[in-house]
Amino acid sequence: MVDAIEGNTRDEKIAYLLEMHYDIIVKQKQGKFYLFIPELSMVSQGGQLSEAYDELILQKKRYFENLIDSGSQEEIIFPRRRVRLGRLWDQLILFVCKLCILCLLLGGTIIGSTILVMDKVMSYSPVFVVKQVTMGLLSEVGQLGKMGTLSEEDMEEKSGNIRQVIENIRQVVRLFRPVIDEFRTVELP
């Protein structure tokens, strides 16, 4: 709490401490006024309210002077409101930090999940399907192209392979038919 006391000189520190607003409890008993500062455990009394108040301020000043002179500034108890606000502020900062961490974790989870889902969706998109079918067709057509450079004797020998390649192309086209039909229903701008 030493850092909380403003002022460089002893008098500036004491003036700062005297300006703090401590709660004062006032009681009147048998014609006398009693004033209490619970945080500082101080009591003053007087026949007049102003007399008791002046005595209490004098006690408070001596109390702060003694603590500062003895180097015991850390023992000074600040007014309750200040302590409450300090604790409330600390709790609020802690809450905001936890909330930010929670938001980051939740946001990271949502973004990560979205990326995984989009990766799965994109792997089955029409573009992906067209790409896969096209690669299959090109592979089969490539096989036919290689067979076109064969001699007649080799062609007769490989005619079974040619039929198989043509059948594979037909199967790919049959599988690709629903995608083609779906694209026919799409209107282009």
C-alpha atoms as a PDB file:
ATOM      1  CA  MET A   1       0.000   0.000   0.000  1.00  0.00           C
ATOM      2  CA  VAL A   2       3.059   2.277   0.202  1.00  0.00           C
ATOM      3  CA  ASP A   3       2.794   3.065  -3.510  1.00  0.00           C
ATOM      4  CA  ALA A   4      -0.799   4.245  -2.987  1.00  0.00           C
ATOM      5  CA  ILE A   5       0.317   7.216  -0.847  1.00  0.00           C
ATOM      6  CA  GLU A   6       0.863  10.236  -3.066  1.00  0.00           C
ATOM      7  CA  GLY A   7       3.464  12.845  -2.309  1.00  0.00           C
ATOM      8  CA  ASN A   8       7.246  13.104  -2.153  1.00  0.00           C
ATOM      9  CA  THR A   9       7.743  14.826   1.172  1.00  0.00           C
ATOM     10  CA  ARG A  10       6.460  13.877   4.609  1.00  0.00           C
ATOM     11  CA  ASP A  11       4.048  16.848   4.693  1.00  0.00           C
ATOM     12  CA  GLU A  12       2.646  16.033   1.222  1.00  0.00           C
ATOM     13  CA  LYS A  13       2.007  12.434   2.270  1.00  0.00           C
ATOM     14  CA  ILE A  14       0.307  13.501   5.491  1.00  0.00           C
ATOM     15  CA  ALA A  15      -1.839  16.039   3.608  1.00  0.00           C
ATOM     16  CA  TYR A  16      -2.826  13.335   1.128  1.00  0.00           C
ATOM     17  CA  LEU A  17      -3.765  10.914   3.931  1.00  0.00           C
ATOM     18  CA  LEU A  18      -5.770  13.590   5.783  1.00  0.00           C
ATOM     19  CA  GLU A  19      -7.831  14.262   2.631  1.00  0.00           C
ATOM     20  CA  MET A  20      -9.029  10.662   2.525  1.00  0.00           C
ATOM     21  CA  HIS A  21     -12.642  10.245   3.536  1.00  0.00           C
ATOM     22  CA  TYR A  22     -13.024   7.735   6.336  1.00  0.00           C
ATOM     23  CA  ASP A  23     -16.484   6.860   7.594  1.00  0.00           C
ATOM     24  CA  ILE A  24     -17.151   8.544  10.941  1.00  0.00           C
ATOM     25  CA  ILE A  25     -19.744   7.175  13.325  1.00  0.00           C
ATOM     26  CA  VAL A  26     -21.291   9.795  15.607  1.00  0.00           C
ATOM     27  CA  LYS A  27     -22.991   8.885  18.898  1.00  0.00           C
ATOM     28  CA  GLN A  28     -24.340  11.129  21.591  1.00  0.00           C
ATOM     29  CA  LYS A  29     -24.441   9.850  25.136  1.00  0.00           C
ATOM     30  CA  GLN A  30     -25.072  11.789  28.365  1.00  0.00           C
ATOM     31  CA  GLY A  31     -24.536  15.152  26.712  1.00  0.00           C
ATOM     32  CA  LYS A  32     -21.248  14.217  25.041  1.00  0.00           C
ATOM     33  CA  PHE A  33     -20.492  13.456  21.428  1.00  0.00           C
ATOM     34  CA  TYR A  34     -18.425  10.408  20.546  1.00  0.00           C
ATOM     35  CA  LEU A  35     -16.889  10.082  17.080  1.00  0.00           C
ATOM     36  CA  PHE A  36     -15.422   6.789  15.800  1.00  0.00           C
ATOM     37  CA  ILE A  37     -13.307   5.918  12.775  1.00  0.00           C
ATOM     38  CA  PRO A  38     -13.619   2.109  12.691  1.00  0.00           C
ATOM     39  CA  GLU A  39     -10.817   1.516  10.139  1.00  0.00           C
ATOM     40  CA  LEU A  40      -8.294   3.391  12.298  1.00  0.00           C
ATOM     41  CA  SER A  41      -9.751   2.328  15.674  1.00  0.00           C
ATOM     42  CA  MET A  42      -9.917   5.981  16.759  1.00  0.00           C
ATOM     43  CA  VAL A  43     -12.363   7.521  19.206  1.00  0.00           C
ATOM     44  CA  SER A  44     -12.737  11.131  20.257  1.00  0.00           C
ATOM     45  CA  GLN A  45     -15.176  12.857  22.554  1.00  0.00           C
ATOM     46  CA  GLY A  46     -16.310  16.378  23.224  1.00  0.00           C
ATOM     47  CA  GLY A  47     -19.116  18.426  24.703  1.00  0.00           C
ATOM     48  CA  GLN A  48     -19.733  19.937  21.256  1.00  0.00           C
ATOM     49  CA  LEU A  49     -19.813  18.073  17.942  1.00  0.00           C
ATOM     50  CA  SER A  50     -17.218  20.428  16.431  1.00  0.00           C
ATOM     51  CA  GLU A  51     -14.943  19.941  19.463  1.00  0.00           C
ATOM     52  CA  ALA A  52     -15.107  16.125  19.109  1.00  0.00           C
ATOM     53  CA  TYR A  53     -14.508  16.406  15.347  1.00  0.00           C
ATOM     54  CA  ASP A  54     -11.448  18.656  15.756  1.00  0.00           C
ATOM     55  CA  GLU A  55     -10.038  16.211  18.347  1.00  0.00           C
ATOM     56  CA  LEU A  56     -10.607  13.297  15.943  1.00  0.00           C
ATOM     57  CA  ILE A  57      -8.811  15.102  13.079  1.00  0.00           C
ATOM     58  CA  LEU A  58      -5.889  15.869  15.382  1.00  0.00           C
ATOM     59  CA  GLN A  59      -5.663  12.194  16.433  1.00  0.00           C
ATOM     60  CA  LYS A  60      -5.796  11.131  12.783  1.00  0.00           C
ATOM     61  CA  LYS A  61      -2.955  13.552  11.908  1.00  0.00           C
ATOM     62  CA  ARG A  62      -0.762  12.285  14.773  1.00  0.00           C
ATOM     63  CA  TYR A  63      -1.516   8.696  13.795  1.00  0.00           C
ATOM     64  CA  PHE A  64      -0.368   9.253  10.168  1.00  0.00           C
ATOM     65  CA  GLU A  65       2.692  11.253  11.291  1.00  0.00           C
ATOM     66  CA  ASN A  66       3.787   8.476  13.651  1.00  0.00           C
ATOM     67  CA  LEU A  67       3.370   5.789  10.990  1.00  0.00           C
ATOM     68  CA  ILE A  68       5.288   7.783   8.362  1.00  0.00           C
ATOM     69  CA  ASP A  69       8.043   8.811  10.796  1.00  0.00           C
ATOM     70  CA  SER A  70       8.515   5.207  11.915  1.00  0.00           C
ATOM     71  CA  GLY A  71       8.649   3.965   8.294  1.00  0.00           C
ATOM     72  CA  SER A  72       5.478   1.922   8.765  1.00  0.00           C
ATOM     73  CA  GLN A  73       3.537   3.372   5.843  1.00  0.00           C
ATOM     74  CA  GLU A  74       2.510  -0.108   4.727  1.00  0.00           C
ATOM     75  CA  GLU A  75       0.469  -0.420   7.940  1.00  0.00           C
ATOM     76  CA  ILE A  76      -1.850   2.451   7.014  1.00  0.00           C
ATOM     77  CA  ILE A  77      -5.388   1.231   6.557  1.00  0.00           C
ATOM     78  CA  PHE A  78      -7.235   2.997   3.766  1.00  0.00           C
ATOM     79  CA  PRO A  79     -10.906   3.915   3.889  1.00  0.00           C
ATOM     80  CA  ARG A  80     -13.345   1.025   3.279  1.00  0.00           C
ATOM     81  CA  ARG A  81     -14.726   2.437   0.062  1.00  0.00           C
ATOM     82  CA  ARG A  82     -11.287   2.537  -1.461  1.00  0.00           C
ATOM     83  CA  VAL A  83     -10.574  -1.019  -0.392  1.00  0.00           C
ATOM     84  CA  ARG A  84     -13.955  -2.197  -1.669  1.00  0.00           C
ATOM     85  CA  LEU A  85     -13.461  -0.493  -5.008  1.00  0.00           C
ATOM     86  CA  GLY A  86      -9.964  -1.947  -5.225  1.00  0.00           C
ATOM     87  CA  ARG A  87     -11.266  -5.451  -4.596  1.00  0.00           C
ATOM     88  CA  LEU A  88     -14.174  -4.914  -6.963  1.00  0.00           C
ATOM     89  CA  TRP A  89     -11.778  -3.642  -9.609  1.00  0.00           C
ATOM     90  CA  ASP A  90      -9.487  -6.655  -9.125  1.00  0.00           C
ATOM     91  CA  GLN A  91     -12.438  -9.019  -9.390  1.00  0.00           C
ATOM     92  CA  LEU A  92     -13.692  -7.213 -12.479  1.00  0.00           C
ATOM     93  CA  ILE A  93     -10.282  -7.450 -14.158  1.00  0.00           C
ATOM     94  CA  LEU A  94     -10.102 -11.149 -13.297  1.00  0.00           C
ATOM     95  CA  PHE A  95     -13.607 -11.692 -14.700  1.00  0.00           C
ATOM     96  CA  VAL A  96     -12.758  -9.851 -17.936  1.00  0.00           C
ATOM     97  CA  CYS A  97      -9.549 -11.878 -18.334  1.00  0.00           C
ATOM     98  CA  LYS A  98     -11.439 -15.137 -17.844  1.00  0.00           C
ATOM     99  CA  LEU A  99     -14.112 -13.969 -20.278  1.00  0.00           C
ATOM    100  CA  CYS A 100     -11.484 -13.133 -22.910  1.00  0.00           C
ATOM    101  CA  ILE A 101      -9.825 -16.530 -22.485  1.00  0.00           C
ATOM    102  CA  LEU A 102     -13.212 -18.243 -22.778  1.00  0.00           C
ATOM    103  CA  CYS A 103     -14.035 -16.243 -25.926  1.00  0.00           C
ATOM    104  CA  LEU A 104     -10.667 -17.111 -27.466  1.00  0.00           C
ATOM    105  CA  LEU A 105     -11.128 -20.805 -26.717  1.00  0.00           C
ATOM    106  CA  LEU A 106     -14.707 -20.793 -27.977  1.00  0.00           C
ATOM    107  CA  GLY A 107     -13.736 -18.821 -31.080  1.00  0.00           C
ATOM    108  CA  GLY A 108     -10.806 -21.148 -31.776  1.00  0.00           C
ATOM    109  CA  THR A 109     -13.052 -24.165 -31.383  1.00  0.00           C
ATOM    110  CA  ILE A 110     -15.668 -22.732 -33.747  1.00  0.00           C
ATOM    111  CA  ILE A 111     -13.080 -21.706 -36.329  1.00  0.00           C
ATOM    112  CA  GLY A 112     -11.313 -25.072 -36.110  1.00  0.00           C
ATOM    113  CA  SER A 113     -14.599 -26.946 -36.451  1.00  0.00           C
ATOM    114  CA  THR A 114     -15.626 -24.768 -39.388  1.00  0.00           C
ATOM    115  CA  ILE A 115     -12.336 -25.428 -41.137  1.00  0.00           C
ATOM    116  CA  LEU A 116     -12.716 -29.184 -40.654  1.00  0.00           C
ATOM    117  CA  VAL A 117     -16.324 -29.172 -41.864  1.00  0.00           C
ATOM    118  CA  MET A 118     -15.505 -26.975 -44.863  1.00  0.00           C
ATOM    119  CA  ASP A 119     -12.618 -29.267 -45.748  1.00  0.00           C
ATOM    120  CA  LYS A 120     -14.986 -32.246 -45.745  1.00  0.00           C
ATOM    121  CA  VAL A 121     -17.680 -30.360 -47.689  1.00  0.00           C
ATOM    122  CA  MET A 122     -15.197 -29.100 -50.258  1.00  0.00           C
ATOM    123  CA  SER A 123     -13.816 -32.600 -50.797  1.00  0.00           C
ATOM    124  CA  TYR A 124     -17.282 -33.669 -52.010  1.00  0.00           C
ATOM    125  CA  SER A 125     -18.136 -30.540 -53.940  1.00  0.00           C
ATOM    126  CA  PRO A 126     -19.182 -30.730 -57.612  1.00  0.00           C
ATOM    127  CA  VAL A 127     -15.803 -29.301 -58.600  1.00  0.00           C
ATOM    128  CA  PHE A 128     -14.059 -32.132 -56.758  1.00  0.00           C
ATOM    129  CA  VAL A 129     -16.336 -34.766 -58.323  1.00  0.00           C
ATOM    130  CA  VAL A 130     -15.814 -33.324 -61.827  1.00  0.00           C
ATOM    131  CA  LYS A 131     -12.079 -33.261 -61.243  1.00  0.00           C
ATOM    132  CA  GLN A 132     -12.027 -36.912 -60.136  1.00  0.00           C
ATOM    133  CA  VAL A 133     -14.211 -38.092 -63.020  1.00  0.00           C
ATOM    134  CA  THR A 134     -12.186 -36.097 -65.518  1.00  0.00           C
ATOM    135  CA  MET A 135      -8.960 -37.610 -64.206  1.00  0.00           C
ATOM    136  CA  GLY A 136     -10.483 -41.097 -64.532  1.00  0.00           C
ATOM    137  CA  LEU A 137     -11.643 -40.407 -68.100  1.00  0.00           C
ATOM    138  CA  LEU A 138      -8.298 -38.952 -69.102  1.00  0.00           C
ATOM    139  CA  SER A 139      -6.546 -41.991 -67.707  1.00  0.00           C
ATOM    140  CA  GLU A 140      -8.755 -44.343 -69.728  1.00  0.00           C
ATOM    141  CA  VAL A 141      -8.461 -42.225 -72.891  1.00  0.00           C
ATOM    142  CA  GLY A 142      -4.700 -42.222 -72.372  1.00  0.00           C
ATOM    143  CA  GLN A 143      -4.802 -46.016 -72.379  1.00  0.00           C
ATOM    144  CA  LEU A 144      -6.696 -45.914 -75.667  1.00  0.00           C
ATOM    145  CA  GLY A 145      -4.176 -43.480 -77.105  1.00  0.00           C
ATOM    146  CA  LYS A 146      -1.317 -45.804 -76.287  1.00  0.00           C
ATOM    147  CA  MET A 147      -3.160 -48.613 -78.009  1.00  0.00           C
ATOM    148  CA  GLY A 148      -3.619 -46.466 -81.125  1.00  0.00           C
ATOM    149  CA  THR A 149       0.128 -46.527 -81.749  1.00  0.00           C
ATOM    150  CA  LEU A 150       0.246 -50.326 -81.784  1.00  0.00           C
ATOM    151  CA  SER A 151       0.662 -52.391 -84.933  1.00  0.00           C
ATOM    152  CA  GLU A 152      -2.295 -54.395 -86.321  1.00  0.00           C
ATOM    153  CA  GLU A 153      -0.962 -57.626 -84.841  1.00  0.00           C
ATOM    154  CA  ASP A 154      -0.639 -56.062 -81.409  1.00  0.00           C
ATOM    155  CA  MET A 155      -4.108 -54.480 -81.808  1.00  0.00           C
ATOM    156  CA  GLU A 156      -5.732 -57.845 -82.344  1.00  0.00           C
ATOM    157  CA  GLU A 157      -3.857 -59.178 -79.389  1.00  0.00           C
ATOM    158  CA  LYS A 158      -4.892 -56.240 -77.206  1.00  0.00           C
ATOM    159  CA  SER A 159      -8.483 -55.933 -78.469  1.00  0.00           C
ATOM    160  CA  GLY A 160      -9.710 -57.397 -75.165  1.00  0.00           C
ATOM    161  CA  ASN A 161      -7.917 -54.589 -73.361  1.00  0.00           C
ATOM    162  CA  ILE A 162      -9.491 -52.012 -75.687  1.00  0.00           C
ATOM    163  CA  ARG A 163     -12.945 -53.369 -74.930  1.00  0.00           C
ATOM    164  CA  GLN A 164     -12.185 -53.204 -71.210  1.00  0.00           C
ATOM    165  CA  VAL A 165     -11.014 -49.577 -71.476  1.00  0.00           C
ATOM    166  CA  ILE A 166     -14.139 -48.618 -73.443  1.00  0.00           C
ATOM    167  CA  GLU A 167     -16.314 -50.345 -70.831  1.00  0.00           C
ATOM    168  CA  ASN A 168     -14.511 -48.437 -68.060  1.00  0.00           C
ATOM    169  CA  ILE A 169     -15.230 -45.155 -69.883  1.00  0.00           C
ATOM    170  CA  ARG A 170     -18.899 -46.106 -70.191  1.00  0.00           C
ATOM    171  CA  GLN A 171     -19.071 -46.844 -66.441  1.00  0.00           C
ATOM    172  CA  VAL A 172     -17.503 -43.495 -65.608  1.00  0.00           C
ATOM    173  CA  VAL A 173     -19.992 -41.720 -67.874  1.00  0.00           C
ATOM    174  CA  ARG A 174     -22.900 -43.635 -66.259  1.00  0.00           C
ATOM    175  CA  LEU A 175     -21.682 -42.621 -62.813  1.00  0.00           C
ATOM    176  CA  PHE A 176     -21.202 -39.073 -63.991  1.00  0.00           C
ATOM    177  CA  ARG A 177     -24.708 -38.839 -65.534  1.00  0.00           C
ATOM    178  CA  PRO A 178     -26.494 -37.515 -62.361  1.00  0.00           C
ATOM    179  CA  VAL A 179     -23.916 -34.757 -61.987  1.00  0.00           C
ATOM    180  CA  ILE A 180     -24.367 -33.778 -65.646  1.00  0.00           C
ATOM    181  CA  ASP A 181     -28.147 -33.719 -65.234  1.00  0.00           C
ATOM    182  CA  GLU A 182     -27.804 -31.566 -62.137  1.00  0.00           C
ATOM    183  CA  PHE A 183     -25.619 -29.063 -63.989  1.00  0.00           C
ATOM    184  CA  ARG A 184     -28.185 -28.873 -66.785  1.00  0.00           C
ATOM    185  CA  THR A 185     -30.766 -27.521 -64.289  1.00  0.00           C
ATOM    186  CA  VAL A 186     -28.429 -24.746 -63.116  1.00  0.00           C
ATOM    187  CA  GLU A 187     -29.105 -21.426 -64.781  1.00  0.00           C
ATOM    188  CA  LEU A 188     -26.051 -19.453 -65.662  1.00  0.00           C
ATOM    189  CA  PRO A 189     -26.208 -15.646 -65.382  1.00  0.00           C
END
